[in-house]
PDB file of all heavy atoms in Angstrom:
ATOM      1  N   VAL A   1      -5.902  -2.159  24.039  1.00  0.00           N
ATOM      2  CA  VAL A   1      -7.393  -2.472  24.081  1.00  0.00           C
ATOM      3  C   VAL A   1      -7.671  -3.657  23.110  1.00  0.00           C
ATOM      4  O   VAL A   1      -7.063  -3.554  22.022  1.00  0.00           O
ATOM      5  CB  VAL A   1      -8.244  -1.256  23.725  1.00  0.00           C
ATOM      6  CG1 VAL A   1      -9.709  -1.572  23.644  1.00  0.00           C
ATOM      7  CG2 VAL A   1      -8.022  -0.184  24.835  1.00  0.00           C
ATOM      8  N   PRO A   2      -8.326  -4.643  23.581  1.00  0.00           N
ATOM      9  CA  PRO A   2      -8.653  -5.673  22.683  1.00  0.00           C
ATOM     10  C   PRO A   2      -9.322  -5.287  21.383  1.00  0.00           C
ATOM     11  O   PRO A   2     -10.172  -4.233  21.479  1.00  0.00           O
ATOM     12  CB  PRO A   2      -9.597  -6.691  23.423  1.00  0.00           C
ATOM     13  CG  PRO A   2      -9.371  -6.282  24.874  1.00  0.00           C
ATOM     14  CD  PRO A   2      -8.891  -4.862  24.932  1.00  0.00           C
ATOM     15  N   ARG A   3      -9.075  -5.866  20.268  1.00  0.00           N
ATOM     16  CA  ARG A   3      -9.473  -5.522  18.989  1.00  0.00           C
ATOM     17  C   ARG A   3     -11.027  -5.222  18.962  1.00  0.00           C
ATOM     18  O   ARG A   3     -11.463  -4.291  18.390  1.00  0.00           O
ATOM     19  CB  ARG A   3      -9.075  -6.415  17.854  1.00  0.00           C
ATOM     20  CG  ARG A   3      -9.439  -5.981  16.489  1.00  0.00           C
ATOM     21  CD  ARG A   3      -8.817  -6.826  15.365  1.00  0.00           C
ATOM     22  NE  ARG A   3      -7.352  -6.906  15.369  1.00  0.00           N
ATOM     23  CZ  ARG A   3      -6.576  -5.871  14.739  1.00  0.00           C
ATOM     24  NH1 ARG A   3      -7.190  -4.876  14.283  1.00  0.00           N
ATOM     25  NH2 ARG A   3      -5.301  -5.980  14.740  1.00  0.00           N
ATOM     26  N   ALA A   4     -11.827  -6.173  19.537  1.00  0.00           N
ATOM     27  CA  ALA A   4     -13.258  -6.088  19.609  1.00  0.00           C
ATOM     28  C   ALA A   4     -13.803  -4.799  20.263  1.00  0.00           C
ATOM     29  O   ALA A   4     -14.785  -4.314  19.987  1.00  0.00           O
ATOM     30  CB  ALA A   4     -13.909  -7.293  20.165  1.00  0.00           C
ATOM     31  N   ASP A   5     -12.975  -4.311  21.062  1.00  0.00           N
ATOM     32  CA  ASP A   5     -13.410  -2.968  21.973  1.00  0.00           C
ATOM     33  C   ASP A   5     -12.812  -1.812  21.431  1.00  0.00           C
ATOM     34  O   ASP A   5     -12.991  -0.655  22.095  1.00  0.00           O
ATOM     35  CB  ASP A   5     -12.925  -3.269  23.424  1.00  0.00           C
ATOM     36  CG  ASP A   5     -13.531  -4.421  24.087  1.00  0.00           C
ATOM     37  OD1 ASP A   5     -14.631  -4.841  23.655  1.00  0.00           O
ATOM     38  OD2 ASP A   5     -12.984  -5.069  25.038  1.00  0.00           O
ATOM     39  N   ARG A   6     -12.006  -1.779  20.341  1.00  0.00           N
ATOM     40  CA  ARG A   6     -11.344  -0.661  19.800  1.00  0.00           C
ATOM     41  C   ARG A   6     -12.350   0.199  19.002  1.00  0.00           C
ATOM     42  O   ARG A   6     -13.320  -0.453  18.309  1.00  0.00           O
ATOM     43  CB  ARG A   6     -10.257  -1.023  18.947  1.00  0.00           C
ATOM     44  CG  ARG A   6      -9.108  -1.608  19.630  1.00  0.00           C
ATOM     45  CD  ARG A   6      -8.003  -1.984  18.730  1.00  0.00           C
ATOM     46  NE  ARG A   6      -7.032  -2.900  19.247  1.00  0.00           N
ATOM     47  CZ  ARG A   6      -6.106  -3.541  18.633  1.00  0.00           C
ATOM     48  NH1 ARG A   6      -5.923  -3.384  17.267  1.00  0.00           N
ATOM     49  NH2 ARG A   6      -5.250  -4.320  19.314  1.00  0.00           N
ATOM     50  N   PRO A   7     -12.217   1.465  18.862  1.00  0.00           N
ATOM     51  CA  PRO A   7     -12.942   2.225  17.910  1.00  0.00           C
ATOM     52  C   PRO A   7     -12.594   1.754  16.466  1.00  0.00           C
ATOM     53  O   PRO A   7     -11.363   1.333  16.271  1.00  0.00           O
ATOM     54  CB  PRO A   7     -12.573   3.670  18.113  1.00  0.00           C
ATOM     55  CG  PRO A   7     -11.705   3.728  19.388  1.00  0.00           C
ATOM     56  CD  PRO A   7     -11.344   2.318  19.636  1.00  0.00           C
ATOM     57  N   GLU A   8     -13.505   1.882  15.533  1.00  0.00           N
ATOM     58  CA  GLU A   8     -13.133   1.434  14.205  1.00  0.00           C
ATOM     59  C   GLU A   8     -12.078   2.286  13.626  1.00  0.00           C
ATOM     60  O   GLU A   8     -12.120   3.447  13.592  1.00  0.00           O
ATOM     61  CB  GLU A   8     -14.469   1.529  13.369  1.00  0.00           C
ATOM     62  CG  GLU A   8     -14.134   0.938  11.880  1.00  0.00           C
ATOM     63  CD  GLU A   8     -15.419   1.080  11.121  1.00  0.00           C
ATOM     64  OE1 GLU A   8     -16.565   0.914  11.619  1.00  0.00           O
ATOM     65  OE2 GLU A   8     -15.246   1.227   9.828  1.00  0.00           O
ATOM     66  N   ASP A   9     -10.995   1.631  13.005  1.00  0.00           N
ATOM     67  CA  ASP A   9      -9.932   2.420  12.321  1.00  0.00           C
ATOM     68  C   ASP A   9     -10.503   2.818  10.970  1.00  0.00           C
ATOM     69  O   ASP A   9     -11.104   2.069  10.264  1.00  0.00           O
ATOM     70  CB  ASP A   9      -8.702   1.395  12.134  1.00  0.00           C
ATOM     71  CG  ASP A   9      -7.933   1.253  13.377  1.00  0.00           C
ATOM     72  OD1 ASP A   9      -8.000   2.223  14.187  1.00  0.00           O
ATOM     73  OD2 ASP A   9      -7.150   0.337  13.418  1.00  0.00           O
ATOM     74  N   ALA A  10     -10.153   4.043  10.643  1.00  0.00           N
ATOM     75  CA  ALA A  10     -10.440   4.435   9.272  1.00  0.00           C
ATOM     76  C   ALA A  10      -9.243   4.259   8.390  1.00  0.00           C
ATOM     77  O   ALA A  10      -8.096   4.098   8.857  1.00  0.00           O
ATOM     78  CB  ALA A  10     -10.768   5.989   9.268  1.00  0.00           C
ATOM     79  N   LYS A  11      -9.452   3.964   7.087  1.00  0.00           N
ATOM     80  CA  LYS A  11      -8.415   3.883   6.154  1.00  0.00           C
ATOM     81  C   LYS A  11      -7.892   5.281   5.720  1.00  0.00           C
ATOM     82  O   LYS A  11      -8.626   6.308   5.996  1.00  0.00           O
ATOM     83  CB  LYS A  11      -8.890   3.089   4.962  1.00  0.00           C
ATOM     84  CG  LYS A  11      -9.405   1.696   5.357  1.00  0.00           C
ATOM     85  CD  LYS A  11      -8.335   0.866   5.891  1.00  0.00           C
ATOM     86  CE  LYS A  11      -8.867  -0.580   6.216  1.00  0.00           C
ATOM     87  NZ  LYS A  11      -7.887  -1.352   6.812  1.00  0.00           N
ATOM     88  N   ASN A  12      -6.734   5.332   5.198  1.00  0.00           N
ATOM     89  CA  ASN A  12      -6.116   6.690   4.876  1.00  0.00           C
ATOM     90  C   ASN A  12      -5.402   6.646   3.570  1.00  0.00           C
ATOM     91  O   ASN A  12      -4.591   5.723   3.316  1.00  0.00           O
ATOM     92  CB  ASN A  12      -5.071   6.912   6.167  1.00  0.00           C
ATOM     93  CG  ASN A  12      -4.438   8.237   5.990  1.00  0.00           C
ATOM     94  OD1 ASN A  12      -3.738   8.555   5.095  1.00  0.00           O
ATOM     95  ND2 ASN A  12      -4.716   8.989   7.072  1.00  0.00           N
ATOM     96  N   ILE A  13      -5.719   7.602   2.820  1.00  0.00           N
ATOM     97  CA  ILE A  13      -5.185   7.774   1.404  1.00  0.00           C
ATOM     98  C   ILE A  13      -3.658   7.910   1.561  1.00  0.00           C
ATOM     99  O   ILE A  13      -2.934   7.343   0.707  1.00  0.00           O
ATOM    100  CB  ILE A  13      -5.833   8.929   0.683  1.00  0.00           C
ATOM    101  CG1 ILE A  13      -7.304   8.582   0.454  1.00  0.00           C
ATOM    102  CG2 ILE A  13      -5.112   9.198  -0.692  1.00  0.00           C
ATOM    103  CD1 ILE A  13      -7.524   7.379  -0.476  1.00  0.00           C
ATOM    104  N   ALA A  14      -3.183   8.755   2.412  1.00  0.00           N
ATOM    105  CA  ALA A  14      -1.675   8.941   2.400  1.00  0.00           C
ATOM    106  C   ALA A  14      -0.975   7.589   2.847  1.00  0.00           C
ATOM    107  O   ALA A  14       0.020   7.319   2.278  1.00  0.00           O
ATOM    108  CB  ALA A  14      -1.386  10.012   3.545  1.00  0.00           C
ATOM    109  N   SER A  15      -1.526   6.819   3.666  1.00  0.00           N
ATOM    110  CA  SER A  15      -0.977   5.483   4.049  1.00  0.00           C
ATOM    111  C   SER A  15      -0.996   4.517   2.814  1.00  0.00           C
ATOM    112  O   SER A  15      -0.092   3.832   2.553  1.00  0.00           O
ATOM    113  CB  SER A  15      -1.672   4.916   5.233  1.00  0.00           C
ATOM    114  OG  SER A  15      -1.524   5.600   6.317  1.00  0.00           O
ATOM    115  N   LEU A  16      -2.099   4.646   2.207  1.00  0.00           N
ATOM    116  CA  LEU A  16      -2.233   3.832   0.896  1.00  0.00           C
ATOM    117  C   LEU A  16      -1.116   4.172  -0.111  1.00  0.00           C
ATOM    118  O   LEU A  16      -0.602   3.356  -0.767  1.00  0.00           O
ATOM    119  CB  LEU A  16      -3.698   4.059   0.245  1.00  0.00           C
ATOM    120  CG  LEU A  16      -3.919   3.340  -1.046  1.00  0.00           C
ATOM    121  CD1 LEU A  16      -3.530   1.789  -1.048  1.00  0.00           C
ATOM    122  CD2 LEU A  16      -5.356   3.580  -1.504  1.00  0.00           C
ATOM    123  N   MET A  17      -1.007   5.463  -0.286  1.00  0.00           N
ATOM    124  CA  MET A  17       0.077   5.942  -1.157  1.00  0.00           C
ATOM    125  C   MET A  17       1.422   5.292  -0.783  1.00  0.00           C
ATOM    126  O   MET A  17       2.168   4.866  -1.594  1.00  0.00           O
ATOM    127  CB  MET A  17       0.263   7.431  -1.304  1.00  0.00           C
ATOM    128  CG  MET A  17       1.351   7.927  -2.254  1.00  0.00           C
ATOM    129  SD  MET A  17       1.533   9.747  -2.198  1.00  0.00           S
ATOM    130  CE  MET A  17       2.592   9.988  -0.830  1.00  0.00           C
ATOM    131  N   GLY A  18       1.845   5.325   0.465  1.00  0.00           N
ATOM    132  CA  GLY A  18       3.112   4.742   0.933  1.00  0.00           C
ATOM    133  C   GLY A  18       3.037   3.273   0.659  1.00  0.00           C
ATOM    134  O   GLY A  18       4.120   2.705   0.187  1.00  0.00           O
ATOM    135  N   THR A  19       2.083   2.553   0.870  1.00  0.00           N
ATOM    136  CA  THR A  19       1.995   1.097   0.613  1.00  0.00           C
ATOM    137  C   THR A  19       2.203   0.794  -0.902  1.00  0.00           C
ATOM    138  O   THR A  19       2.835  -0.107  -1.234  1.00  0.00           O
ATOM    139  CB  THR A  19       0.626   0.537   1.117  1.00  0.00           C
ATOM    140  OG1 THR A  19       0.466   0.733   2.533  1.00  0.00           O
ATOM    141  CG2 THR A  19       0.407  -0.988   0.752  1.00  0.00           C
ATOM    142  N   ALA A  20       1.466   1.535  -1.668  1.00  0.00           N
ATOM    143  CA  ALA A  20       1.584   1.422  -3.212  1.00  0.00           C
ATOM    144  C   ALA A  20       3.029   1.702  -3.720  1.00  0.00           C
ATOM    145  O   ALA A  20       3.499   0.973  -4.451  1.00  0.00           O
ATOM    146  CB  ALA A  20       0.573   2.251  -3.832  1.00  0.00           C
ATOM    147  N   LEU A  21       3.630   2.740  -3.012  1.00  0.00           N
ATOM    148  CA  LEU A  21       5.065   3.015  -3.399  1.00  0.00           C
ATOM    149  C   LEU A  21       6.040   1.894  -3.076  1.00  0.00           C
ATOM    150  O   LEU A  21       6.834   1.489  -3.894  1.00  0.00           O
ATOM    151  CB  LEU A  21       5.546   4.362  -2.765  1.00  0.00           C
ATOM    152  CG  LEU A  21       4.973   5.637  -3.376  1.00  0.00           C
ATOM    153  CD1 LEU A  21       5.318   6.835  -2.482  1.00  0.00           C
ATOM    154  CD2 LEU A  21       5.707   5.822  -4.774  1.00  0.00           C
ATOM    155  N   HIS A  22       5.783   1.405  -1.917  1.00  0.00           N
ATOM    156  CA  HIS A  22       6.661   0.211  -1.411  1.00  0.00           C
ATOM    157  C   HIS A  22       6.518  -1.026  -2.335  1.00  0.00           C
ATOM    158  O   HIS A  22       7.545  -1.551  -2.735  1.00  0.00           O
ATOM    159  CB  HIS A  22       6.285  -0.153   0.087  1.00  0.00           C
ATOM    160  CG  HIS A  22       6.999   0.626   1.034  1.00  0.00           C
ATOM    161  ND1 HIS A  22       7.947   0.161   1.885  1.00  0.00           N
ATOM    162  CD2 HIS A  22       6.765   1.899   1.438  1.00  0.00           C
ATOM    163  CE1 HIS A  22       8.269   1.127   2.695  1.00  0.00           C
ATOM    164  NE2 HIS A  22       7.619   2.257   2.490  1.00  0.00           N
ATOM    165  N   ARG A  23       5.227  -1.229  -2.662  1.00  0.00           N
ATOM    166  CA  ARG A  23       5.004  -2.402  -3.586  1.00  0.00           C
ATOM    167  C   ARG A  23       5.549  -2.222  -4.927  1.00  0.00           C
ATOM    168  O   ARG A  23       6.215  -3.076  -5.565  1.00  0.00           O
ATOM    169  CB  ARG A  23       3.502  -2.644  -3.706  1.00  0.00           C
ATOM    170  CG  ARG A  23       3.093  -3.866  -4.362  1.00  0.00           C
ATOM    171  CD  ARG A  23       3.582  -5.171  -3.529  1.00  0.00           C
ATOM    172  NE  ARG A  23       2.999  -6.317  -4.282  1.00  0.00           N
ATOM    173  CZ  ARG A  23       3.653  -7.520  -4.222  1.00  0.00           C
ATOM    174  NH1 ARG A  23       4.737  -7.691  -3.491  1.00  0.00           N
ATOM    175  NH2 ARG A  23       3.168  -8.440  -4.862  1.00  0.00           N
ATOM    176  N   ALA A  24       5.484  -1.014  -5.456  1.00  0.00           N
ATOM    177  CA  ALA A  24       6.026  -0.607  -6.752  1.00  0.00           C
ATOM    178  C   ALA A  24       7.574  -0.740  -6.816  1.00  0.00           C
ATOM    179  O   ALA A  24       8.090  -1.276  -7.719  1.00  0.00           O
ATOM    180  CB  ALA A  24       5.604   0.747  -7.177  1.00  0.00           C
ATOM    181  N   ILE A  25       8.248  -0.289  -5.821  1.00  0.00           N
ATOM    182  CA  ILE A  25       9.648  -0.306  -5.735  1.00  0.00           C
ATOM    183  C   ILE A  25      10.047  -1.864  -5.536  1.00  0.00           C
ATOM    184  O   ILE A  25      10.970  -2.273  -6.254  1.00  0.00           O
ATOM    185  CB  ILE A  25      10.181   0.434  -4.544  1.00  0.00           C
ATOM    186  CG1 ILE A  25       9.999   1.927  -4.812  1.00  0.00           C
ATOM    187  CG2 ILE A  25      11.735   0.132  -4.293  1.00  0.00           C
ATOM    188  CD1 ILE A  25      10.235   2.895  -3.657  1.00  0.00           C
ATOM    189  N   GLU A  26       9.405  -2.558  -4.670  1.00  0.00           N
ATOM    190  CA  GLU A  26       9.675  -3.999  -4.590  1.00  0.00           C
ATOM    191  C   GLU A  26       9.545  -4.830  -5.954  1.00  0.00           C
ATOM    192  O   GLU A  26      10.445  -5.498  -6.269  1.00  0.00           O
ATOM    193  CB  GLU A  26       8.790  -4.626  -3.606  1.00  0.00           C
ATOM    194  CG  GLU A  26       9.027  -6.079  -3.308  1.00  0.00           C
ATOM    195  CD  GLU A  26       8.081  -6.759  -2.402  1.00  0.00           C
ATOM    196  OE1 GLU A  26       6.990  -6.180  -1.912  1.00  0.00           O
ATOM    197  OE2 GLU A  26       8.365  -7.949  -1.937  1.00  0.00           O
ATOM    198  N   LEU A  27       8.446  -4.623  -6.606  1.00  0.00           N
ATOM    199  CA  LEU A  27       8.227  -5.364  -7.818  1.00  0.00           C
ATOM    200  C   LEU A  27       9.179  -4.929  -8.932  1.00  0.00           C
ATOM    201  O   LEU A  27       9.396  -5.692  -9.832  1.00  0.00           O
ATOM    202  CB  LEU A  27       6.713  -5.423  -8.261  1.00  0.00           C
ATOM    203  CG  LEU A  27       5.885  -6.201  -7.272  1.00  0.00           C
ATOM    204  CD1 LEU A  27       4.365  -6.131  -7.776  1.00  0.00           C
ATOM    205  CD2 LEU A  27       6.281  -7.502  -7.155  1.00  0.00           C
ATOM    206  N   LYS A  28       9.636  -3.661  -8.962  1.00  0.00           N
ATOM    207  CA  LYS A  28      10.486  -3.262 -10.003  1.00  0.00           C
ATOM    208  C   LYS A  28      11.802  -4.002  -9.728  1.00  0.00           C
ATOM    209  O   LYS A  28      12.390  -4.455 -10.804  1.00  0.00           O
ATOM    210  CB  LYS A  28      10.743  -1.708  -9.914  1.00  0.00           C
ATOM    211  CG  LYS A  28      11.883  -1.221 -10.636  1.00  0.00           C
ATOM    212  CD  LYS A  28      11.717  -1.415 -12.201  1.00  0.00           C
ATOM    213  CE  LYS A  28      12.858  -0.808 -12.964  1.00  0.00           C
ATOM    214  NZ  LYS A  28      12.858  -1.231 -14.333  1.00  0.00           N
ATOM    215  N   TYR A  29      12.303  -4.149  -8.607  1.00  0.00           N
ATOM    216  CA  TYR A  29      13.511  -4.724  -8.354  1.00  0.00           C
ATOM    217  C   TYR A  29      13.358  -6.264  -8.464  1.00  0.00           C
ATOM    218  O   TYR A  29      14.238  -6.920  -9.008  1.00  0.00           O
ATOM    219  CB  TYR A  29      14.097  -4.409  -6.933  1.00  0.00           C
ATOM    220  CG  TYR A  29      14.865  -3.056  -6.964  1.00  0.00           C
ATOM    221  CD1 TYR A  29      14.455  -2.034  -6.147  1.00  0.00           C
ATOM    222  CD2 TYR A  29      15.947  -2.852  -7.769  1.00  0.00           C
ATOM    223  CE1 TYR A  29      15.107  -0.809  -6.044  1.00  0.00           C
ATOM    224  CE2 TYR A  29      16.636  -1.657  -7.752  1.00  0.00           C
ATOM    225  CZ  TYR A  29      16.102  -0.545  -6.895  1.00  0.00           C
ATOM    226  OH  TYR A  29      16.730   0.641  -6.870  1.00  0.00           O
ATOM    227  N   ARG A  30      12.338  -6.850  -7.933  1.00  0.00           N
ATOM    228  CA  ARG A  30      12.125  -8.293  -7.958  1.00  0.00           C
ATOM    229  C   ARG A  30      11.809  -8.881  -9.389  1.00  0.00           C
ATOM    230  O   ARG A  30      12.280  -9.890  -9.684  1.00  0.00           O
ATOM    231  CB  ARG A  30      11.038  -8.722  -6.997  1.00  0.00           C
ATOM    232  CG  ARG A  30      11.417  -8.672  -5.512  1.00  0.00           C
ATOM    233  CD  ARG A  30      10.437  -9.506  -4.732  1.00  0.00           C
ATOM    234  NE  ARG A  30      10.532  -9.178  -3.272  1.00  0.00           N
ATOM    235  CZ  ARG A  30      11.390  -9.654  -2.422  1.00  0.00           C
ATOM    236  NH1 ARG A  30      12.225 -10.550  -2.893  1.00  0.00           N
ATOM    237  NH2 ARG A  30      11.352  -9.357  -1.223  1.00  0.00           N
ATOM    238  N   GLU A  31      10.841  -8.140 -10.082  1.00  0.00           N
ATOM    239  CA  GLU A  31      10.346  -8.791 -11.234  1.00  0.00           C
ATOM    240  C   GLU A  31      10.400  -7.829 -12.488  1.00  0.00           C
ATOM    241  O   GLU A  31       9.748  -8.077 -13.503  1.00  0.00           O
ATOM    242  CB  GLU A  31       8.825  -9.149 -11.042  1.00  0.00           C
ATOM    243  CG  GLU A  31       8.678 -10.212  -9.890  1.00  0.00           C
ATOM    244  CD  GLU A  31       7.170 -10.367  -9.668  1.00  0.00           C
ATOM    245  OE1 GLU A  31       6.254 -10.052 -10.330  1.00  0.00           O
ATOM    246  OE2 GLU A  31       6.939 -10.909  -8.437  1.00  0.00           O
ATOM    247  N   ASP A  32      11.120  -6.713 -12.287  1.00  0.00           N
ATOM    248  CA  ASP A  32      11.184  -5.723 -13.375  1.00  0.00           C
ATOM    249  C   ASP A  32       9.914  -5.267 -13.940  1.00  0.00           C
ATOM    250  O   ASP A  32       9.647  -4.992 -15.008  1.00  0.00           O
ATOM    251  CB  ASP A  32      11.998  -6.204 -14.472  1.00  0.00           C
ATOM    252  CG  ASP A  32      12.650  -5.100 -15.311  1.00  0.00           C
ATOM    253  OD1 ASP A  32      12.733  -3.879 -14.776  1.00  0.00           O
ATOM    254  OD2 ASP A  32      12.860  -5.279 -16.537  1.00  0.00           O
ATOM    255  N   LYS A  33       8.853  -5.082 -12.977  1.00  0.00           N
ATOM    256  CA  LYS A  33       7.529  -4.594 -13.332  1.00  0.00           C
ATOM    257  C   LYS A  33       7.628  -3.101 -13.424  1.00  0.00           C
ATOM    258  O   LYS A  33       8.319  -2.443 -12.688  1.00  0.00           O
ATOM    259  CB  LYS A  33       6.381  -5.098 -12.420  1.00  0.00           C
ATOM    260  CG  LYS A  33       6.244  -6.615 -12.481  1.00  0.00           C
ATOM    261  CD  LYS A  33       4.905  -6.975 -12.079  1.00  0.00           C
ATOM    262  CE  LYS A  33       4.743  -8.463 -12.334  1.00  0.00           C
ATOM    263  NZ  LYS A  33       3.456  -8.996 -12.088  1.00  0.00           N
ATOM    264  N   SER A  34       6.703  -2.577 -14.174  1.00  0.00           N
ATOM    265  CA  SER A  34       6.572  -1.107 -14.289  1.00  0.00           C
ATOM    266  C   SER A  34       6.172  -0.502 -12.924  1.00  0.00           C
ATOM    267  O   SER A  34       5.099  -0.793 -12.425  1.00  0.00           O
ATOM    268  CB  SER A  34       5.438  -0.714 -15.258  1.00  0.00           C
ATOM    269  OG  SER A  34       5.067   0.556 -15.136  1.00  0.00           O
ATOM    270  N   PRO A  35       7.041   0.402 -12.291  1.00  0.00           N
ATOM    271  CA  PRO A  35       6.756   0.898 -11.080  1.00  0.00           C
ATOM    272  C   PRO A  35       5.434   1.714 -11.076  1.00  0.00           C
ATOM    273  O   PRO A  35       4.622   1.609 -10.167  1.00  0.00           O
ATOM    274  CB  PRO A  35       7.985   1.805 -10.653  1.00  0.00           C
ATOM    275  CG  PRO A  35       8.885   1.647 -11.738  1.00  0.00           C
ATOM    276  CD  PRO A  35       8.309   0.710 -12.872  1.00  0.00           C
ATOM    277  N   THR A  36       5.249   2.521 -12.136  1.00  0.00           N
ATOM    278  CA  THR A  36       4.156   3.426 -12.109  1.00  0.00           C
ATOM    279  C   THR A  36       2.786   2.595 -12.383  1.00  0.00           C
ATOM    280  O   THR A  36       1.807   2.922 -11.808  1.00  0.00           O
ATOM    281  CB  THR A  36       4.237   4.573 -13.110  1.00  0.00           C
ATOM    282  OG1 THR A  36       4.531   3.959 -14.474  1.00  0.00           O
ATOM    283  CG2 THR A  36       5.404   5.557 -12.758  1.00  0.00           C
ATOM    284  N   GLY A  37       2.948   1.615 -13.231  1.00  0.00           N
ATOM    285  CA  GLY A  37       1.752   0.684 -13.399  1.00  0.00           C
ATOM    286  C   GLY A  37       1.402  -0.026 -12.108  1.00  0.00           C
ATOM    287  O   GLY A  37       0.200  -0.109 -11.774  1.00  0.00           O
ATOM    288  N   THR A  38       2.461  -0.571 -11.426  1.00  0.00           N
ATOM    289  CA  THR A  38       2.158  -1.228 -10.099  1.00  0.00           C
ATOM    290  C   THR A  38       1.548  -0.363  -9.117  1.00  0.00           C
ATOM    291  O   THR A  38       0.580  -0.597  -8.477  1.00  0.00           O
ATOM    292  CB  THR A  38       3.381  -1.878  -9.620  1.00  0.00           C
ATOM    293  OG1 THR A  38       3.956  -2.853 -10.577  1.00  0.00           O
ATOM    294  CG2 THR A  38       3.171  -2.567  -8.344  1.00  0.00           C
ATOM    295  N   PHE A  39       2.068   0.925  -9.154  1.00  0.00           N
ATOM    296  CA  PHE A  39       1.614   1.920  -8.131  1.00  0.00           C
ATOM    297  C   PHE A  39       0.086   2.142  -8.363  1.00  0.00           C
ATOM    298  O   PHE A  39      -0.768   2.176  -7.534  1.00  0.00           O
ATOM    299  CB  PHE A  39       2.371   3.202  -8.193  1.00  0.00           C
ATOM    300  CG  PHE A  39       1.930   4.420  -7.428  1.00  0.00           C
ATOM    301  CD1 PHE A  39       2.132   4.423  -6.063  1.00  0.00           C
ATOM    302  CD2 PHE A  39       1.218   5.273  -8.008  1.00  0.00           C
ATOM    303  CE1 PHE A  39       1.671   5.429  -5.288  1.00  0.00           C
ATOM    304  CE2 PHE A  39       0.580   6.428  -7.307  1.00  0.00           C
ATOM    305  CZ  PHE A  39       0.922   6.420  -5.921  1.00  0.00           C
ATOM    306  N   GLN A  40      -0.203   2.455  -9.684  1.00  0.00           N
ATOM    307  CA  GLN A  40      -1.586   2.729 -10.000  1.00  0.00           C
ATOM    308  C   GLN A  40      -2.506   1.548  -9.680  1.00  0.00           C
ATOM    309  O   GLN A  40      -3.650   1.751  -9.190  1.00  0.00           O
ATOM    310  CB  GLN A  40      -1.694   3.146 -11.496  1.00  0.00           C
ATOM    311  CG  GLN A  40      -3.079   3.501 -11.966  1.00  0.00           C
ATOM    312  CD  GLN A  40      -3.396   4.872 -11.439  1.00  0.00           C
ATOM    313  OE1 GLN A  40      -2.650   5.869 -11.491  1.00  0.00           O
ATOM    314  NE2 GLN A  40      -4.712   5.057 -10.919  1.00  0.00           N
ATOM    315  N   THR A  41      -2.158   0.360  -9.927  1.00  0.00           N
ATOM    316  CA  THR A  41      -2.906  -0.828  -9.749  1.00  0.00           C
ATOM    317  C   THR A  41      -3.179  -0.997  -8.263  1.00  0.00           C
ATOM    318  O   THR A  41      -4.387  -1.298  -7.785  1.00  0.00           O
ATOM    319  CB  THR A  41      -2.203  -2.089 -10.237  1.00  0.00           C
ATOM    320  OG1 THR A  41      -2.079  -1.954 -11.678  1.00  0.00           O
ATOM    321  CG2 THR A  41      -3.084  -3.286 -10.028  1.00  0.00           C
ATOM    322  N   VAL A  42      -2.152  -0.942  -7.406  1.00  0.00           N
ATOM    323  CA  VAL A  42      -2.270  -1.002  -5.937  1.00  0.00           C
ATOM    324  C   VAL A  42      -3.296   0.122  -5.488  1.00  0.00           C
ATOM    325  O   VAL A  42      -4.166  -0.181  -4.606  1.00  0.00           O
ATOM    326  CB  VAL A  42      -0.986  -0.964  -5.181  1.00  0.00           C
ATOM    327  CG1 VAL A  42      -1.167  -0.870  -3.769  1.00  0.00           C
ATOM    328  CG2 VAL A  42      -0.114  -2.278  -5.636  1.00  0.00           C
ATOM    329  N   MET A  43      -3.148   1.321  -5.849  1.00  0.00           N
ATOM    330  CA  MET A  43      -3.922   2.411  -5.465  1.00  0.00           C
ATOM    331  C   MET A  43      -5.341   2.051  -5.813  1.00  0.00           C
ATOM    332  O   MET A  43      -6.290   2.052  -4.948  1.00  0.00           O
ATOM    333  CB  MET A  43      -3.455   3.663  -6.103  1.00  0.00           C
ATOM    334  CG  MET A  43      -2.264   4.311  -5.561  1.00  0.00           C
ATOM    335  SD  MET A  43      -2.206   4.952  -3.875  1.00  0.00           S
ATOM    336  CE  MET A  43      -3.218   6.428  -4.052  1.00  0.00           C
TER     337      MET A  43
END
């Protein structure tokens, strides 16, 4: 269905947690940033 005709998507806390975990792992390996700090910031 075209985006304009779709029901509005709700955001999801569980999905946000997954996104924040991915970003934290990526930045730990790429830039040696604190994973828990990055996770908290993204959340």
